[in-house]
Amino acid sequence: MLDSVSSIAALATQMSAQKTGQQVEVAMLKKAQDMQRQQGEAVLKLMESATVSPSSAPATSIDVYI
């Protein structure tokens, strides 16, 4: 009887540890997703700021004679 109680207690402890580990993994994945989203937004802002309108561009084509 005592052996089965110990087994149940050990199983409960193991399941609790697994649940905690899964919660940590999910939290870390969410943080990584947030960081990727922020980096993507920063890249888009950088690309938008680097856009040159055709009217302000000094030349839009190059003449090459062969």
Foldseek 3Di string as FASTA:
>chain_A
DVVVVVVVVVVVVVVVVVVVVVVVVVVVVVVVVVVVVVVVVVVVVVVVVPDDDPVPDPDDDDDDDD
